[in-house]
Amino acid sequence: MFKCFECIDWKKTAIFAGGVLFGTAGVKVLGSSDAKKFYVKCLAAGLRAKDCVMTTATNIQENAEDILAEAEEINRQRSGEEAVEDEELASEGEAENPVQA
């Protein structure tokens, strides 16, 4: 009658039983009110961090837009100055070398 128990690996059976007990206890712990309070506090901290990151990202984006606008204005001014210089050089060149027809 006890020969059927000889083929059972008691070490693996004990590990399985321990896992079942640990899993059952783990479910009870994870579902407790203290654990739920912990989850809520962690989620609240995550939401605060998200708000902080979003505020920082918005500030960076606004600064980048200002920088871009200033850079475009500098380029407009520079291209206007170069156009004036080109016109001056062209008019000086015509005055020095009049075209004979």
C-alpha atoms as a PDB file:
ATOM      1  CA  MET A   1       0.000   0.000   0.000  1.00  0.00           C
ATOM      2  CA  PHE A   2       2.796   2.422   0.788  1.00  0.00           C
ATOM      3  CA  LYS A   3       4.773   1.499  -2.322  1.00  0.00           C
ATOM      4  CA  CYS A   4       2.874   4.167  -4.331  1.00  0.00           C
ATOM      5  CA  PHE A   5       4.341   6.857  -2.072  1.00  0.00           C
ATOM      6  CA  GLU A   6       7.880   5.756  -2.856  1.00  0.00           C
ATOM      7  CA  CYS A   7       7.768   7.193  -6.371  1.00  0.00           C
ATOM      8  CA  ILE A   8       6.754  10.674  -5.115  1.00  0.00           C
ATOM      9  CA  ASP A   9       9.550  13.224  -4.996  1.00  0.00           C
ATOM     10  CA  TRP A  10       8.894  14.725  -1.576  1.00  0.00           C
ATOM     11  CA  LYS A  11      11.211  17.669  -2.101  1.00  0.00           C
ATOM     12  CA  LYS A  12       9.309  18.866  -5.181  1.00  0.00           C
ATOM     13  CA  THR A  13       5.986  18.226  -3.446  1.00  0.00           C
ATOM     14  CA  ALA A  14       7.079  20.303  -0.437  1.00  0.00           C
ATOM     15  CA  ILE A  15       8.232  23.125  -2.709  1.00  0.00           C
ATOM     16  CA  PHE A  16       4.879  23.057  -4.512  1.00  0.00           C
ATOM     17  CA  ALA A  17       2.928  23.102  -1.241  1.00  0.00           C
ATOM     18  CA  GLY A  18       5.087  25.963   0.061  1.00  0.00           C
ATOM     19  CA  GLY A  19       4.441  27.889  -3.139  1.00  0.00           C
ATOM     20  CA  VAL A  20       0.697  27.415  -2.791  1.00  0.00           C
ATOM     21  CA  LEU A  21       0.801  28.621   0.821  1.00  0.00           C
ATOM     22  CA  PHE A  22       3.009  31.564  -0.067  1.00  0.00           C
ATOM     23  CA  GLY A  23       0.772  32.473  -2.996  1.00  0.00           C
ATOM     24  CA  THR A  24      -2.345  32.340  -0.834  1.00  0.00           C
ATOM     25  CA  ALA A  25      -0.714  34.495   1.823  1.00  0.00           C
ATOM     26  CA  GLY A  26       0.553  36.862  -0.880  1.00  0.00           C
ATOM     27  CA  VAL A  27      -2.951  37.349  -2.275  1.00  0.00           C
ATOM     28  CA  LYS A  28      -4.226  38.165   1.200  1.00  0.00           C
ATOM     29  CA  VAL A  29      -1.408  40.670   1.776  1.00  0.00           C
ATOM     30  CA  LEU A  30      -1.798  42.320  -1.633  1.00  0.00           C
ATOM     31  CA  GLY A  31      -5.541  42.658  -1.125  1.00  0.00           C
ATOM     32  CA  SER A  32      -5.328  44.115   2.382  1.00  0.00           C
ATOM     33  CA  SER A  33      -6.410  47.660   3.189  1.00  0.00           C
ATOM     34  CA  ASP A  34      -2.842  48.640   4.130  1.00  0.00           C
ATOM     35  CA  ALA A  35      -1.614  47.495   0.737  1.00  0.00           C
ATOM     36  CA  LYS A  36      -4.389  49.449  -0.990  1.00  0.00           C
ATOM     37  CA  LYS A  37      -3.377  52.595   0.923  1.00  0.00           C
ATOM     38  CA  PHE A  38       0.193  52.025  -0.247  1.00  0.00           C
ATOM     39  CA  TYR A  39      -0.962  51.645  -3.866  1.00  0.00           C
ATOM     40  CA  VAL A  40      -2.986  54.855  -3.648  1.00  0.00           C
ATOM     41  CA  LYS A  41      -0.053  56.801  -2.205  1.00  0.00           C
ATOM     42  CA  CYS A  42       2.293  55.471  -4.883  1.00  0.00           C
ATOM     43  CA  LEU A  43      -0.162  56.376  -7.627  1.00  0.00           C
ATOM     44  CA  ALA A  44      -0.650  59.867  -6.156  1.00  0.00           C
ATOM     45  CA  ALA A  45       3.121  60.372  -6.103  1.00  0.00           C
ATOM     46  CA  GLY A  46       3.311  59.218  -9.723  1.00  0.00           C
ATOM     47  CA  LEU A  47       0.610  61.692 -10.744  1.00  0.00           C
ATOM     48  CA  ARG A  48       2.440  64.526  -8.950  1.00  0.00           C
ATOM     49  CA  ALA A  49       5.647  63.565 -10.747  1.00  0.00           C
ATOM     50  CA  LYS A  50       3.772  63.546 -14.070  1.00  0.00           C
ATOM     51  CA  ASP A  51       2.416  67.047 -13.397  1.00  0.00           C
ATOM     52  CA  CYS A  52       5.911  68.282 -12.560  1.00  0.00           C
ATOM     53  CA  VAL A  53       7.373  66.759 -15.714  1.00  0.00           C
ATOM     54  CA  MET A  54       4.587  68.196 -17.868  1.00  0.00           C
ATOM     55  CA  THR A  55       5.096  71.671 -16.374  1.00  0.00           C
ATOM     56  CA  THR A  56       8.823  71.471 -17.045  1.00  0.00           C
ATOM     57  CA  ALA A  57       8.230  70.222 -20.591  1.00  0.00           C
ATOM     58  CA  THR A  58       5.804  73.087 -21.255  1.00  0.00           C
ATOM     59  CA  ASN A  59       8.336  75.638 -19.996  1.00  0.00           C
ATOM     60  CA  ILE A  60      11.065  74.145 -22.165  1.00  0.00           C
ATOM     61  CA  GLN A  61       8.770  74.169 -25.204  1.00  0.00           C
ATOM     62  CA  GLU A  62       7.831  77.824 -24.648  1.00  0.00           C
ATOM     63  CA  ASN A  63      11.503  78.762 -24.301  1.00  0.00           C
ATOM     64  CA  ALA A  64      12.337  76.868 -27.472  1.00  0.00           C
ATOM     65  CA  GLU A  65       9.598  78.721 -29.361  1.00  0.00           C
ATOM     66  CA  ASP A  66      10.966  82.070 -28.118  1.00  0.00           C
ATOM     67  CA  ILE A  67      14.484  81.107 -29.161  1.00  0.00           C
ATOM     68  CA  LEU A  68      13.253  80.032 -32.587  1.00  0.00           C
ATOM     69  CA  ALA A  69      11.370  83.310 -33.072  1.00  0.00           C
ATOM     70  CA  GLU A  70      14.441  85.347 -32.093  1.00  0.00           C
ATOM     71  CA  ALA A  71      16.682  83.319 -34.411  1.00  0.00           C
ATOM     72  CA  GLU A  72      14.278  83.827 -37.316  1.00  0.00           C
ATOM     73  CA  GLU A  73      14.201  87.578 -36.622  1.00  0.00           C
ATOM     74  CA  ILE A  74      18.011  87.714 -36.587  1.00  0.00           C
ATOM     75  CA  ASN A  75      18.105  85.890 -39.923  1.00  0.00           C
ATOM     76  CA  ARG A  76      15.522  88.283 -41.412  1.00  0.00           C
ATOM     77  CA  GLN A  77      17.554  91.287 -40.275  1.00  0.00           C
ATOM     78  CA  ARG A  78      20.785  89.778 -41.542  1.00  0.00           C
ATOM     79  CA  SER A  79      19.301  88.957 -44.949  1.00  0.00           C
ATOM     80  CA  GLY A  80      17.912  92.517 -45.157  1.00  0.00           C
ATOM     81  CA  GLU A  81      21.328  93.994 -44.334  1.00  0.00           C
ATOM     82  CA  GLU A  82      23.003  91.751 -46.910  1.00  0.00           C
ATOM     83  CA  ALA A  83      20.489  92.838 -49.546  1.00  0.00           C
ATOM     84  CA  VAL A  84      21.241  96.506 -48.787  1.00  0.00           C
ATOM     85  CA  GLU A  85      24.986  95.838 -48.950  1.00  0.00           C
ATOM     86  CA  ASP A  86      24.568  94.027 -52.266  1.00  0.00           C
ATOM     87  CA  GLU A  87      22.611  96.969 -53.685  1.00  0.00           C
ATOM     88  CA  GLU A  88      25.277  99.421 -52.477  1.00  0.00           C
ATOM     89  CA  LEU A  89      28.038  97.341 -54.044  1.00  0.00           C
ATOM     90  CA  ALA A  90      26.105  97.088 -57.276  1.00  0.00           C
ATOM     91  CA  SER A  91      25.469 100.838 -57.411  1.00  0.00           C
ATOM     92  CA  GLU A  92      29.133 101.587 -56.631  1.00  0.00           C
ATOM     93  CA  GLY A  93      30.184  99.174 -59.353  1.00  0.00           C
ATOM     94  CA  GLU A  94      27.936 100.915 -61.885  1.00  0.00           C
ATOM     95  CA  ALA A  95      29.262 104.338 -60.888  1.00  0.00           C
ATOM     96  CA  GLU A  96      32.883 103.249 -61.312  1.00  0.00           C
ATOM     97  CA  ASN A  97      32.343 101.345 -64.553  1.00  0.00           C
ATOM     98  CA  PRO A  98      29.648 103.075 -66.548  1.00  0.00           C
ATOM     99  CA  VAL A  99      28.338 100.982 -69.361  1.00  0.00           C
ATOM    100  CA  GLN A 100      29.099 102.536 -72.749  1.00  0.00           C
ATOM    101  CA  ALA A 101      26.438 102.029 -75.297  1.00  0.00           C
END
